[in-house]
Amino acid sequence: MADAGDREPDIVIEASGHAVTDAIEGVAVGGTAVLVGSVFPADPVPLDAESVVRRLVTVTGVHNYTGRDLSDAVAFLAGPGRAHPFAEVVSAVHPLSELDRALTAASAPGAPLRIAVAAR
C-alpha cells in the first residue's frame, strides 16, 4: 500500500485469522476492522474493549457460505457457469502492490461491479 506516513488505515481487512488483535489495534480512530479469515477453530482473541469503545472502532465479520457452498460454486463455474459472461463483471486485475489504485478505481462513480486484486 502507499506510504500513509504515521496515519493508521480507516479499514483493515484481516484475512488470515491470525492477526485479529493487530487488525483491531491497528485501525484508525473511527475505523473498521473487517474479519474474514476467522473461519476455523482457534484460540480466543483478547479484546481491549476500552480501546475499541474510546477509538470508536467497528469490528465486523464477513462469512456467508459453507464449504459445501464453495464447492457447489466452483463446480457451477467449471460447468454450466461457463455459459454466463462472469468475466465481464470483473473489470481488471490489479497487483497487490497497486492496492490503493484498485480501491480508488472501485470507489469511483460508475465503477464496475467487481475488481480483482492478485498477489503477483
PDB file of N, CA and C in Angstrom:
ATOM      1  N   MET A   1       0.843  -1.177   0.000  1.00  0.00           N
ATOM      2  CA  MET A   1       0.000   0.000   0.000  1.00  0.00           C
ATOM      3  C   MET A   1       0.883   1.233   0.000  1.00  0.00           C
ATOM      4  N   ALA A   2       0.289   2.334  -0.420  1.00  0.00           N
ATOM      5  CA  ALA A   2       1.051   3.580  -0.461  1.00  0.00           C
ATOM      6  C   ALA A   2       1.447   3.981   0.951  1.00  0.00           C
ATOM      7  N   ASP A   3       2.536   4.708   1.037  1.00  0.00           N
ATOM      8  CA  ASP A   3       3.021   5.164   2.334  1.00  0.00           C
ATOM      9  C   ASP A   3       2.030   6.165   2.909  1.00  0.00           C
ATOM     10  N   ALA A   4       1.455   5.835   4.033  1.00  0.00           N
ATOM     11  CA  ALA A   4       0.485   6.714   4.683  1.00  0.00           C
ATOM     12  C   ALA A   4       1.132   7.490   5.820  1.00  0.00           C
ATOM     13  N   GLY A   5       2.462   7.495   5.884  1.00  0.00           N
ATOM     14  CA  GLY A   5       3.132   8.194   6.969  1.00  0.00           C
ATOM     15  C   GLY A   5       2.800   7.536   8.287  1.00  0.00           C
ATOM     16  N   ASP A   6       2.443   8.354   9.269  1.00  0.00           N
ATOM     17  CA  ASP A   6       2.095   7.827  10.588  1.00  0.00           C
ATOM     18  C   ASP A   6       0.600   7.565  10.728  1.00  0.00           C
ATOM     19  N   ARG A   7      -0.159   7.792   9.677  1.00  0.00           N
ATOM     20  CA  ARG A   7      -1.613   7.651   9.732  1.00  0.00           C
ATOM     21  C   ARG A   7      -2.014   6.176   9.688  1.00  0.00           C
ATOM     22  N   GLU A   8      -2.938   5.802  10.559  1.00  0.00           N
ATOM     23  CA  GLU A   8      -3.443   4.431  10.565  1.00  0.00           C
ATOM     24  C   GLU A   8      -4.538   4.302   9.507  1.00  0.00           C
ATOM     25  N   PRO A   9      -4.745   3.104   8.972  1.00  0.00           N
ATOM     26  CA  PRO A   9      -5.770   2.927   7.940  1.00  0.00           C
ATOM     27  C   PRO A   9      -7.180   3.016   8.513  1.00  0.00           C
ATOM     28  N   ASP A  10      -8.105   3.520   7.712  1.00  0.00           N
ATOM     29  CA  ASP A  10      -9.509   3.606   8.118  1.00  0.00           C
ATOM     30  C   ASP A  10     -10.171   2.232   8.121  1.00  0.00           C
ATOM     31  N   ILE A  11      -9.693   1.354   7.256  1.00  0.00           N
ATOM     32  CA  ILE A  11     -10.240   0.000   7.155  1.00  0.00           C
ATOM     33  C   ILE A  11      -9.081  -0.990   7.157  1.00  0.00           C
ATOM     34  N   VAL A  12      -9.213  -2.025   7.969  1.00  0.00           N
ATOM     35  CA  VAL A  12      -8.236  -3.115   7.976  1.00  0.00           C
ATOM     36  C   VAL A  12      -9.008  -4.397   7.681  1.00  0.00           C
ATOM     37  N   ILE A  13      -8.552  -5.137   6.677  1.00  0.00           N
ATOM     38  CA  ILE A  13      -9.166  -6.419   6.341  1.00  0.00           C
ATOM     39  C   ILE A  13      -8.215  -7.517   6.803  1.00  0.00           C
ATOM     40  N   GLU A  14      -8.661  -8.298   7.776  1.00  0.00           N
ATOM     41  CA  GLU A  14      -7.843  -9.377   8.338  1.00  0.00           C
ATOM     42  C   GLU A  14      -8.326 -10.681   7.697  1.00  0.00           C
ATOM     43  N   ALA A  15      -7.499 -11.239   6.823  1.00  0.00           N
ATOM     44  CA  ALA A  15      -7.917 -12.406   6.047  1.00  0.00           C
ATOM     45  C   ALA A  15      -7.216 -13.701   6.439  1.00  0.00           C
ATOM     46  N   SER A  16      -6.312 -13.664   7.397  1.00  0.00           N
ATOM     47  CA  SER A  16      -5.576 -14.878   7.754  1.00  0.00           C
ATOM     48  C   SER A  16      -6.175 -15.602   8.949  1.00  0.00           C
ATOM     49  N   GLY A  17      -6.862 -14.866   9.795  1.00  0.00           N
ATOM     50  CA  GLY A  17      -7.360 -15.445  11.035  1.00  0.00           C
ATOM     51  C   GLY A  17      -6.341 -15.436  12.154  1.00  0.00           C
ATOM     52  N   HIS A  18      -5.134 -14.971  11.858  1.00  0.00           N
ATOM     53  CA  HIS A  18      -4.059 -14.997  12.849  1.00  0.00           C
ATOM     54  C   HIS A  18      -3.620 -13.612  13.309  1.00  0.00           C
ATOM     55  N   ALA A  19      -4.218 -12.562  12.766  1.00  0.00           N
ATOM     56  CA  ALA A  19      -3.795 -11.201  13.116  1.00  0.00           C
ATOM     57  C   ALA A  19      -4.982 -10.347  13.548  1.00  0.00           C
ATOM     58  N   VAL A  20      -5.949 -10.973  14.192  1.00  0.00           N
ATOM     59  CA  VAL A  20      -7.162 -10.265  14.605  1.00  0.00           C
ATOM     60  C   VAL A  20      -6.835  -9.129  15.563  1.00  0.00           C
ATOM     61  N   THR A  21      -6.044  -9.406  16.583  1.00  0.00           N
ATOM     62  CA  THR A  21      -5.687  -8.368  17.555  1.00  0.00           C
ATOM     63  C   THR A  21      -4.958  -7.222  16.869  1.00  0.00           C
ATOM     64  N   ASP A  22      -4.007  -7.540  15.993  1.00  0.00           N
ATOM     65  CA  ASP A  22      -3.278  -6.494  15.267  1.00  0.00           C
ATOM     66  C   ASP A  22      -4.217  -5.657  14.409  1.00  0.00           C
ATOM     67  N   ALA A  23      -5.182  -6.298  13.768  1.00  0.00           N
ATOM     68  CA  ALA A  23      -6.128  -5.574  12.918  1.00  0.00           C
ATOM     69  C   ALA A  23      -6.944  -4.583  13.741  1.00  0.00           C
ATOM     70  N   ILE A  24      -7.446  -5.033  14.875  1.00  0.00           N
ATOM     71  CA  ILE A  24      -8.277  -4.168  15.719  1.00  0.00           C
ATOM     72  C   ILE A  24      -7.438  -3.052  16.333  1.00  0.00           C
ATOM     73  N   GLU A  25      -6.243  -3.380  16.786  1.00  0.00           N
ATOM     74  CA  GLU A  25      -5.377  -2.362  17.392  1.00  0.00           C
ATOM     75  C   GLU A  25      -4.812  -1.396  16.358  1.00  0.00           C
ATOM     76  N   GLY A  26      -4.693  -1.828  15.108  1.00  0.00           N
ATOM     77  CA  GLY A  26      -4.035  -1.013  14.092  1.00  0.00           C
ATOM     78  C   GLY A  26      -4.930  -0.118  13.271  1.00  0.00           C
ATOM     79  N   VAL A  27      -6.238  -0.234  13.432  1.00  0.00           N
ATOM     80  CA  VAL A  27      -7.153   0.583  12.639  1.00  0.00           C
ATOM     81  C   VAL A  27      -7.280   1.980  13.255  1.00  0.00           C
ATOM     82  N   ALA A  28      -7.548   2.970  12.423  1.00  0.00           N
ATOM     83  CA  ALA A  28      -7.638   4.363  12.868  1.00  0.00           C
ATOM     84  C   ALA A  28      -8.845   4.600  13.767  1.00  0.00           C
ATOM     85  N   VAL A  29      -8.824   5.700  14.475  1.00  0.00           N
ATOM     86  CA  VAL A  29      -9.978   6.130  15.264  1.00  0.00           C
ATOM     87  C   VAL A  29     -11.167   6.248  14.314  1.00  0.00           C
ATOM     88  N   GLY A  30     -12.284   5.638  14.702  1.00  0.00           N
ATOM     89  CA  GLY A  30     -13.476   5.662  13.860  1.00  0.00           C
ATOM     90  C   GLY A  30     -13.432   4.660  12.725  1.00  0.00           C
ATOM     91  N   GLY A  31     -12.384   3.828  12.676  1.00  0.00           N
ATOM     92  CA  GLY A  31     -12.209   2.884  11.578  1.00  0.00           C
ATOM     93  C   GLY A  31     -12.942   1.574  11.787  1.00  0.00           C
ATOM     94  N   THR A  32     -12.791   0.706  10.795  1.00  0.00           N
ATOM     95  CA  THR A  32     -13.457  -0.590  10.808  1.00  0.00           C
ATOM     96  C   THR A  32     -12.445  -1.702  10.581  1.00  0.00           C
ATOM     97  N   ALA A  33     -12.482  -2.700  11.444  1.00  0.00           N
ATOM     98  CA  ALA A  33     -11.686  -3.912  11.266  1.00  0.00           C
ATOM     99  C   ALA A  33     -12.634  -4.982  10.729  1.00  0.00           C
ATOM    100  N   VAL A  34     -12.343  -5.482   9.530  1.00  0.00           N
ATOM    101  CA  VAL A  34     -13.178  -6.490   8.888  1.00  0.00           C
ATOM    102  C   VAL A  34     -12.473  -7.836   9.016  1.00  0.00           C
ATOM    103  N   LEU A  35     -13.133  -8.782   9.661  1.00  0.00           N
ATOM    104  CA  LEU A  35     -12.548 -10.100   9.889  1.00  0.00           C
ATOM    105  C   LEU A  35     -13.149 -11.086   8.897  1.00  0.00           C
ATOM    106  N   VAL A  36     -12.315 -11.611   7.995  1.00  0.00           N
ATOM    107  CA  VAL A  36     -12.788 -12.591   7.023  1.00  0.00           C
ATOM    108  C   VAL A  36     -12.030 -13.907   7.124  1.00  0.00           C
ATOM    109  N   GLY A  37     -10.957 -13.933   7.892  1.00  0.00           N
ATOM    110  CA  GLY A  37     -10.130 -15.131   7.960  1.00  0.00           C
ATOM    111  C   GLY A  37     -10.395 -16.020   9.153  1.00  0.00           C
ATOM    112  N   SER A  38     -11.269 -15.623  10.034  1.00  0.00           N
ATOM    113  CA  SER A  38     -11.512 -16.386  11.263  1.00  0.00           C
ATOM    114  C   SER A  38     -12.624 -17.405  11.044  1.00  0.00           C
ATOM    115  N   VAL A  39     -12.361 -18.371  10.184  1.00  0.00           N
ATOM    116  CA  VAL A  39     -13.393 -19.342   9.826  1.00  0.00           C
ATOM    117  C   VAL A  39     -13.015 -20.763  10.242  1.00  0.00           C
ATOM    118  N   PHE A  40     -12.158 -20.859  11.249  1.00  0.00           N
ATOM    119  CA  PHE A  40     -11.715 -22.158  11.731  1.00  0.00           C
ATOM    120  C   PHE A  40     -11.529 -22.057  13.238  1.00  0.00           C
ATOM    121  N   PRO A  41     -11.590 -23.178  13.947  1.00  0.00           N
ATOM    122  CA  PRO A  41     -11.383 -23.128  15.396  1.00  0.00           C
ATOM    123  C   PRO A  41      -9.998 -22.567  15.726  1.00  0.00           C
ATOM    124  N   ALA A  42      -9.960 -21.687  16.690  1.00  0.00           N
ATOM    125  CA  ALA A  42      -8.693 -21.069  17.097  1.00  0.00           C
ATOM    126  C   ALA A  42      -8.791 -20.658  18.558  1.00  0.00           C
ATOM    127  N   ASP A  43      -7.656 -20.270  19.114  1.00  0.00           N
ATOM    128  CA  ASP A  43      -7.649 -19.778  20.487  1.00  0.00           C
ATOM    129  C   ASP A  43      -8.460 -18.493  20.572  1.00  0.00           C
ATOM    130  N   PRO A  44      -9.063 -18.211  21.738  1.00  0.00           N
ATOM    131  CA  PRO A  44      -9.781 -16.951  21.911  1.00  0.00           C
ATOM    132  C   PRO A  44      -8.853 -15.758  21.676  1.00  0.00           C
ATOM    133  N   VAL A  45      -9.421 -14.685  21.182  1.00  0.00           N
ATOM    134  CA  VAL A  45      -8.660 -13.470  20.897  1.00  0.00           C
ATOM    135  C   VAL A  45      -8.932 -12.463  22.008  1.00  0.00           C
ATOM    136  N   PRO A  46      -7.880 -11.954  22.663  1.00  0.00           N
ATOM    137  CA  PRO A  46      -8.109 -10.931  23.690  1.00  0.00           C
ATOM    138  C   PRO A  46      -8.611  -9.647  23.033  1.00  0.00           C
ATOM    139  N   LEU A  47      -9.561  -9.004  23.673  1.00  0.00           N
ATOM    140  CA  LEU A  47     -10.131  -7.775  23.132  1.00  0.00           C
ATOM    141  C   LEU A  47     -10.029  -6.674  24.174  1.00  0.00           C
ATOM    142  N   ASP A  48      -9.386  -5.585  23.826  1.00  0.00           N
ATOM    143  CA  ASP A  48      -9.301  -4.416  24.699  1.00  0.00           C
ATOM    144  C   ASP A  48     -10.551  -3.575  24.437  1.00  0.00           C
ATOM    145  N   ALA A  49     -11.628  -3.923  25.136  1.00  0.00           N
ATOM    146  CA  ALA A  49     -12.918  -3.272  24.904  1.00  0.00           C
ATOM    147  C   ALA A  49     -12.846  -1.765  25.120  1.00  0.00           C
ATOM    148  N   GLU A  50     -12.085  -1.318  26.117  1.00  0.00           N
ATOM    149  CA  GLU A  50     -11.962   0.122  26.363  1.00  0.00           C
ATOM    150  C   GLU A  50     -11.392   0.821  25.132  1.00  0.00           C
ATOM    151  N   SER A  51     -10.358   0.250  24.539  1.00  0.00           N
ATOM    152  CA  SER A  51      -9.748   0.844  23.352  1.00  0.00           C
ATOM    153  C   SER A  51     -10.728   0.869  22.182  1.00  0.00           C
ATOM    154  N   VAL A  52     -11.467  -0.220  21.991  1.00  0.00           N
ATOM    155  CA  VAL A  52     -12.455  -0.279  20.904  1.00  0.00           C
ATOM    156  C   VAL A  52     -13.502   0.816  21.090  1.00  0.00           C
ATOM    157  N   VAL A  53     -13.997   0.973  22.301  1.00  0.00           N
ATOM    158  CA  VAL A  53     -15.028   1.979  22.579  1.00  0.00           C
ATOM    159  C   VAL A  53     -14.471   3.389  22.451  1.00  0.00           C
ATOM    160  N   ARG A  54     -13.347   3.669  23.089  1.00  0.00           N
ATOM    161  CA  ARG A  54     -12.783   5.026  23.056  1.00  0.00           C
ATOM    162  C   ARG A  54     -12.355   5.438  21.652  1.00  0.00           C
ATOM    163  N   ARG A  55     -11.889   4.472  20.852  1.00  0.00           N
ATOM    164  CA  ARG A  55     -11.443   4.800  19.492  1.00  0.00           C
ATOM    165  C   ARG A  55     -12.571   4.668  18.466  1.00  0.00           C
ATOM    166  N   LEU A  56     -13.779   4.348  18.927  1.00  0.00           N
ATOM    167  CA  LEU A  56     -14.950   4.253  18.049  1.00  0.00           C
ATOM    168  C   LEU A  56     -14.736   3.244  16.923  1.00  0.00           C
ATOM    169  N   VAL A  57     -14.097   2.131  17.238  1.00  0.00           N
ATOM    170  CA  VAL A  57     -13.774   1.111  16.240  1.00  0.00           C
ATOM    171  C   VAL A  57     -14.980   0.197  16.014  1.00  0.00           C
ATOM    172  N   THR A  58     -15.239  -0.095  14.761  1.00  0.00           N
ATOM    173  CA  THR A  58     -16.259  -1.069  14.390  1.00  0.00           C
ATOM    174  C   THR A  58     -15.546  -2.357  14.001  1.00  0.00           C
ATOM    175  N   VAL A  59     -15.978  -3.462  14.576  1.00  0.00           N
ATOM    176  CA  VAL A  59     -15.425  -4.770  14.223  1.00  0.00           C
ATOM    177  C   VAL A  59     -16.564  -5.557  13.586  1.00  0.00           C
ATOM    178  N   THR A  60     -16.331  -6.016  12.359  1.00  0.00           N
ATOM    179  CA  THR A  60     -17.376  -6.758  11.660  1.00  0.00           C
ATOM    180  C   THR A  60     -16.792  -8.010  11.030  1.00  0.00           C
ATOM    181  N   GLY A  61     -17.586  -9.033  10.992  1.00  0.00           N
ATOM    182  CA  GLY A  61     -17.160 -10.280  10.375  1.00  0.00           C
ATOM    183  C   GLY A  61     -17.908 -10.517   9.078  1.00  0.00           C
ATOM    184  N   VAL A  62     -17.232 -11.130   8.128  1.00  0.00           N
ATOM    185  CA  VAL A  62     -17.851 -11.437   6.842  1.00  0.00           C
ATOM    186  C   VAL A  62     -17.653 -12.920   6.559  1.00  0.00           C
ATOM    187  N   HIS A  63     -18.750 -13.640   6.525  1.00  0.00           N
ATOM    188  CA  HIS A  63     -18.709 -15.061   6.166  1.00  0.00           C
ATOM    189  C   HIS A  63     -20.140 -15.477   5.899  1.00  0.00           C
ATOM    190  N   ASN A  64     -20.415 -15.826   4.682  1.00  0.00           N
ATOM    191  CA  ASN A  64     -21.802 -16.157   4.369  1.00  0.00           C
ATOM    192  C   ASN A  64     -21.916 -17.424   3.534  1.00  0.00           C
ATOM    193  N   TYR A  65     -20.980 -18.323   3.696  1.00  0.00           N
ATOM    194  CA  TYR A  65     -21.064 -19.565   2.946  1.00  0.00           C
ATOM    195  C   TYR A  65     -20.438 -20.701   3.751  1.00  0.00           C
ATOM    196  N   THR A  66     -20.811 -21.898   3.374  1.00  0.00           N
ATOM    197  CA  THR A  66     -20.214 -23.089   3.981  1.00  0.00           C
ATOM    198  C   THR A  66     -19.238 -23.695   2.974  1.00  0.00           C
ATOM    199  N   GLY A  67     -18.493 -24.660   3.393  1.00  0.00           N
ATOM    200  CA  GLY A  67     -17.591 -25.356   2.479  1.00  0.00           C
ATOM    201  C   GLY A  67     -18.345 -25.975   1.311  1.00  0.00           C
ATOM    202  N   ARG A  68     -19.521 -26.498   1.586  1.00  0.00           N
ATOM    203  CA  ARG A  68     -20.359 -27.087   0.524  1.00  0.00           C
ATOM    204  C   ARG A  68     -20.779 -26.013  -0.479  1.00  0.00           C
ATOM    205  N   ASP A  69     -21.126 -24.823   0.017  1.00  0.00           N
ATOM    206  CA  ASP A  69     -21.493 -23.724  -0.888  1.00  0.00           C
ATOM    207  C   ASP A  69     -20.342 -23.393  -1.827  1.00  0.00           C
ATOM    208  N   LEU A  70     -19.139 -23.329  -1.281  1.00  0.00           N
ATOM    209  CA  LEU A  70     -17.969 -23.011  -2.093  1.00  0.00           C
ATOM    210  C   LEU A  70     -17.727 -24.106  -3.131  1.00  0.00           C
ATOM    211  N   SER A  71     -17.841 -25.349  -2.722  1.00  0.00           N
ATOM    212  CA  SER A  71     -17.665 -26.468  -3.644  1.00  0.00           C
ATOM    213  C   SER A  71     -18.698 -26.418  -4.767  1.00  0.00           C
ATOM    214  N   ASP A  72     -19.951 -26.150  -4.419  1.00  0.00           N
ATOM    215  CA  ASP A  72     -21.012 -26.040  -5.429  1.00  0.00           C
ATOM    216  C   ASP A  72     -20.744 -24.891  -6.396  1.00  0.00           C
ATOM    217  N   ALA A  73     -20.268 -23.772  -5.870  1.00  0.00           N
ATOM    218  CA  ALA A  73     -19.987 -22.607  -6.718  1.00  0.00           C
ATOM    219  C   ALA A  73     -18.863 -22.906  -7.702  1.00  0.00           C
ATOM    220  N   VAL A  74     -17.809 -23.552  -7.232  1.00  0.00           N
ATOM    221  CA  VAL A  74     -16.692 -23.896  -8.121  1.00  0.00           C
ATOM    222  C   VAL A  74     -17.165 -24.874  -9.195  1.00  0.00           C
ATOM    223  N   ALA A  75     -17.969 -25.863  -8.814  1.00  0.00           N
ATOM    224  CA  ALA A  75     -18.496 -26.824  -9.790  1.00  0.00           C
ATOM    225  C   ALA A  75     -19.373 -26.116 -10.820  1.00  0.00           C
ATOM    226  N   PHE A  76     -20.178 -25.171 -10.377  1.00  0.00           N
ATOM    227  CA  PHE A  76     -21.026 -24.419 -11.304  1.00  0.00           C
ATOM    228  C   PHE A  76     -20.180 -23.618 -12.286  1.00  0.00           C
ATOM    229  N   LEU A  77     -19.178 -22.914 -11.772  1.00  0.00           N
ATOM    230  CA  LEU A  77     -18.329 -22.094 -12.644  1.00  0.00           C
ATOM    231  C   LEU A  77     -17.538 -22.951 -13.630  1.00  0.00           C
ATOM    232  N   ALA A  78     -17.155 -24.144 -13.212  1.00  0.00           N
ATOM    233  CA  ALA A  78     -16.400 -25.037 -14.090  1.00  0.00           C
ATOM    234  C   ALA A  78     -17.301 -25.741 -15.102  1.00  0.00           C
ATOM    235  N   GLY A  79     -18.604 -25.778 -14.843  1.00  0.00           N
ATOM    236  CA  GLY A  79     -19.541 -26.476 -15.735  1.00  0.00           C
ATOM    237  C   GLY A  79     -20.515 -25.514 -16.386  1.00  0.00           C
ATOM    238  N   PRO A  80     -21.786 -25.565 -15.960  1.00  0.00           N
ATOM    239  CA  PRO A  80     -22.811 -24.739 -16.606  1.00  0.00           C
ATOM    240  C   PRO A  80     -22.536 -23.236 -16.522  1.00  0.00           C
ATOM    241  N   GLY A  81     -21.783 -22.821 -15.546  1.00  0.00           N
ATOM    242  CA  GLY A  81     -21.481 -21.394 -15.392  1.00  0.00           C
ATOM    243  C   GLY A  81     -20.664 -20.815 -16.523  1.00  0.00           C
ATOM    244  N   ARG A  82     -19.986 -21.671 -17.273  1.00  0.00           N
ATOM    245  CA  ARG A  82     -19.180 -21.190 -18.401  1.00  0.00           C
ATOM    246  C   ARG A  82     -20.046 -20.505 -19.460  1.00  0.00           C
ATOM    247  N   ALA A  83     -21.334 -20.772 -19.456  1.00  0.00           N
ATOM    248  CA  ALA A  83     -22.235 -20.166 -20.443  1.00  0.00           C
ATOM    249  C   ALA A  83     -22.563 -18.712 -20.104  1.00  0.00           C
ATOM    250  N   HIS A  84     -22.195 -18.264 -18.923  1.00  0.00           N
ATOM    251  CA  HIS A  84     -22.510 -16.901 -18.482  1.00  0.00           C
ATOM    252  C   HIS A  84     -21.262 -16.020 -18.560  1.00  0.00           C
ATOM    253  N   PRO A  85     -21.446 -14.732 -18.839  1.00  0.00           N
ATOM    254  CA  PRO A  85     -20.292 -13.822 -19.012  1.00  0.00           C
ATOM    255  C   PRO A  85     -19.752 -13.263 -17.692  1.00  0.00           C
ATOM    256  N   PHE A  86     -19.422 -14.136 -16.748  1.00  0.00           N
ATOM    257  CA  PHE A  86     -18.944 -13.667 -15.450  1.00  0.00           C
ATOM    258  C   PHE A  86     -17.652 -12.862 -15.552  1.00  0.00           C
ATOM    259  N   ALA A  87     -16.808 -13.182 -16.506  1.00  0.00           N
ATOM    260  CA  ALA A  87     -15.540 -12.458 -16.652  1.00  0.00           C
ATOM    261  C   ALA A  87     -15.775 -10.978 -16.921  1.00  0.00           C
ATOM    262  N   GLU A  88     -16.905 -10.643 -17.534  1.00  0.00           N
ATOM    263  CA  GLU A  88     -17.206  -9.238 -17.824  1.00  0.00           C
ATOM    264  C   GLU A  88     -17.532  -8.446 -16.560  1.00  0.00           C
ATOM    265  N   VAL A  89     -17.887  -9.141 -15.489  1.00  0.00           N
ATOM    266  CA  VAL A  89     -18.235  -8.462 -14.240  1.00  0.00           C
ATOM    267  C   VAL A  89     -16.992  -7.885 -13.572  1.00  0.00           C
ATOM    268  N   VAL A  90     -15.854  -8.541 -13.757  1.00  0.00           N
ATOM    269  CA  VAL A  90     -14.592  -8.072 -13.182  1.00  0.00           C
ATOM    270  C   VAL A  90     -13.885  -7.246 -14.238  1.00  0.00           C
ATOM    271  N   SER A  91     -13.685  -5.962 -13.934  1.00  0.00           N
ATOM    272  CA  SER A  91     -13.135  -5.059 -14.944  1.00  0.00           C
ATOM    273  C   SER A  91     -11.639  -5.229 -15.145  1.00  0.00           C
ATOM    274  N   ALA A  92     -10.918  -5.446 -14.076  1.00  0.00           N
ATOM    275  CA  ALA A  92      -9.464  -5.501 -14.180  1.00  0.00           C
ATOM    276  C   ALA A  92      -8.903  -6.287 -13.006  1.00  0.00           C
ATOM    277  N   VAL A  93      -7.714  -6.802 -13.197  1.00  0.00           N
ATOM    278  CA  VAL A  93      -6.987  -7.473 -12.118  1.00  0.00           C
ATOM    279  C   VAL A  93      -5.805  -6.584 -11.765  1.00  0.00           C
ATOM    280  N   HIS A  94      -5.750  -6.160 -10.511  1.00  0.00           N
ATOM    281  CA  HIS A  94      -4.687  -5.277 -10.038  1.00  0.00           C
ATOM    282  C   HIS A  94      -3.713  -6.073  -9.180  1.00  0.00           C
ATOM    283  N   PRO A  95      -2.417  -5.827  -9.323  1.00  0.00           N
ATOM    284  CA  PRO A  95      -1.466  -6.494  -8.424  1.00  0.00           C
ATOM    285  C   PRO A  95      -1.606  -5.929  -7.011  1.00  0.00           C
ATOM    286  N   LEU A  96      -1.277  -6.734  -6.030  1.00  0.00           N
ATOM    287  CA  LEU A  96      -1.370  -6.308  -4.635  1.00  0.00           C
ATOM    288  C   LEU A  96      -0.576  -5.032  -4.387  1.00  0.00           C
ATOM    289  N   SER A  97       0.516  -4.858  -5.110  1.00  0.00           N
ATOM    290  CA  SER A  97       1.342  -3.656  -4.940  1.00  0.00           C
ATOM    291  C   SER A  97       0.603  -2.383  -5.356  1.00  0.00           C
ATOM    292  N   GLU A  98      -0.514  -2.521  -6.079  1.00  0.00           N
ATOM    293  CA  GLU A  98      -1.314  -1.368  -6.504  1.00  0.00           C
ATOM    294  C   GLU A  98      -2.675  -1.356  -5.809  1.00  0.00           C
ATOM    295  N   LEU A  99      -2.721  -1.845  -4.573  1.00  0.00           N
ATOM    296  CA  LEU A  99      -3.979  -1.930  -3.844  1.00  0.00           C
ATOM    297  C   LEU A  99      -4.665  -0.582  -3.722  1.00  0.00           C
ATOM    298  N   ASP A 100      -3.920   0.475  -3.411  1.00  0.00           N
ATOM    299  CA  ASP A 100      -4.535   1.798  -3.277  1.00  0.00           C
ATOM    300  C   ASP A 100      -5.216   2.207  -4.577  1.00  0.00           C
ATOM    301  N   ARG A 101      -4.543   1.986  -5.696  1.00  0.00           N
ATOM    302  CA  ARG A 101      -5.117   2.332  -7.003  1.00  0.00           C
ATOM    303  C   ARG A 101      -6.382   1.506  -7.261  1.00  0.00           C
ATOM    304  N   ALA A 102      -6.354   0.228  -6.912  1.00  0.00           N
ATOM    305  CA  ALA A 102      -7.505  -0.643  -7.114  1.00  0.00           C
ATOM    306  C   ALA A 102      -8.700  -0.179  -6.288  1.00  0.00           C
ATOM    307  N   LEU A 103      -8.463   0.190  -5.031  1.00  0.00           N
ATOM    308  CA  LEU A 103      -9.552   0.663  -4.172  1.00  0.00           C
ATOM    309  C   LEU A 103     -10.118   1.983  -4.672  1.00  0.00           C
ATOM    310  N   THR A 104      -9.258   2.863  -5.172  1.00  0.00           N
ATOM    311  CA  THR A 104      -9.723   4.126  -5.748  1.00  0.00           C
ATOM    312  C   THR A 104     -10.593   3.847  -6.969  1.00  0.00           C
ATOM    313  N   ALA A 105     -10.148   2.944  -7.826  1.00  0.00           N
ATOM    314  CA  ALA A 105     -10.921   2.594  -9.021  1.00  0.00           C
ATOM    315  C   ALA A 105     -12.269   1.991  -8.640  1.00  0.00           C
ATOM    316  N   ALA A 106     -12.295   1.177  -7.600  1.00  0.00           N
ATOM    317  CA  ALA A 106     -13.528   0.517  -7.184  1.00  0.00           C
ATOM    318  C   ALA A 106     -14.532   1.481  -6.578  1.00  0.00           C
ATOM    319  N   SER A 107     -14.066   2.594  -6.040  1.00  0.00           N
ATOM    320  CA  SER A 107     -14.983   3.534  -5.389  1.00  0.00           C
ATOM    321  C   SER A 107     -15.354   4.717  -6.276  1.00  0.00           C
ATOM    322  N   ALA A 108     -14.854   4.747  -7.496  1.00  0.00           N
ATOM    323  CA  ALA A 108     -15.148   5.852  -8.414  1.00  0.00           C
ATOM    324  C   ALA A 108     -16.590   5.758  -8.918  1.00  0.00           C
ATOM    325  N   PRO A 109     -17.202   6.909  -9.237  1.00  0.00           N
ATOM    326  CA  PRO A 109     -18.558   6.873  -9.812  1.00  0.00           C
ATOM    327  C   PRO A 109     -18.568   6.016 -11.080  1.00  0.00           C
ATOM    328  N   GLY A 110     -19.568   5.172 -11.207  1.00  0.00           N
ATOM    329  CA  GLY A 110     -19.674   4.310 -12.374  1.00  0.00           C
ATOM    330  C   GLY A 110     -18.695   3.154 -12.380  1.00  0.00           C
ATOM    331  N   ALA A 111     -18.099   2.870 -11.223  1.00  0.00           N
ATOM    332  CA  ALA A 111     -17.108   1.786 -11.128  1.00  0.00           C
ATOM    333  C   ALA A 111     -17.759   0.451 -11.467  1.00  0.00           C
ATOM    334  N   PRO A 112     -16.964  -0.491 -11.945  1.00  0.00           N
ATOM    335  CA  PRO A 112     -17.509  -1.819 -12.245  1.00  0.00           C
ATOM    336  C   PRO A 112     -17.978  -2.512 -10.972  1.00  0.00           C
ATOM    337  N   LEU A 113     -18.777  -3.539 -11.166  1.00  0.00           N
ATOM    338  CA  LEU A 113     -19.317  -4.288 -10.036  1.00  0.00           C
ATOM    339  C   LEU A 113     -18.213  -4.899  -9.177  1.00  0.00           C
ATOM    340  N   ARG A 114     -17.155  -5.392  -9.825  1.00  0.00           N
ATOM    341  CA  ARG A 114     -16.060  -6.041  -9.102  1.00  0.00           C
ATOM    342  C   ARG A 114     -14.718  -5.676  -9.721  1.00  0.00           C
ATOM    343  N   ILE A 115     -13.717  -5.610  -8.869  1.00  0.00           N
ATOM    344  CA  ILE A 115     -12.332  -5.562  -9.325  1.00  0.00           C
ATOM    345  C   ILE A 115     -11.644  -6.739  -8.660  1.00  0.00           C
ATOM    346  N   ALA A 116     -10.496  -7.094  -9.142  1.00  0.00           N
ATOM    347  CA  ALA A 116      -9.750  -8.203  -8.545  1.00  0.00           C
ATOM    348  C   ALA A 116      -8.379  -7.706  -8.115  1.00  0.00           C
ATOM    349  N   VAL A 117      -7.898  -8.232  -6.996  1.00  0.00           N
ATOM    350  CA  VAL A 117      -6.549  -7.942  -6.522  1.00  0.00           C
ATOM    351  C   VAL A 117      -5.838  -9.284  -6.403  1.00  0.00           C
ATOM    352  N   ALA A 118      -4.720  -9.394  -7.090  1.00  0.00           N
ATOM    353  CA  ALA A 118      -3.967 -10.650  -7.098  1.00  0.00           C
ATOM    354  C   ALA A 118      -2.594 -10.431  -6.484  1.00  0.00           C
ATOM    355  N   ALA A 119      -2.131 -11.397  -5.728  1.00  0.00           N
ATOM    356  CA  ALA A 119      -0.808 -11.310  -5.095  1.00  0.00           C
ATOM    357  C   ALA A 119       0.254 -11.703  -6.111  1.00  0.00           C
ATOM    358  N   ARG A 120       0.488 -10.833  -7.065  1.00  0.00           N
ATOM    359  CA  ARG A 120       1.508 -11.113  -8.087  1.00  0.00           C
ATOM    360  C   ARG A 120       2.501 -10.005  -8.142  1.00  0.00           C
TER     361      ARG A 120
END
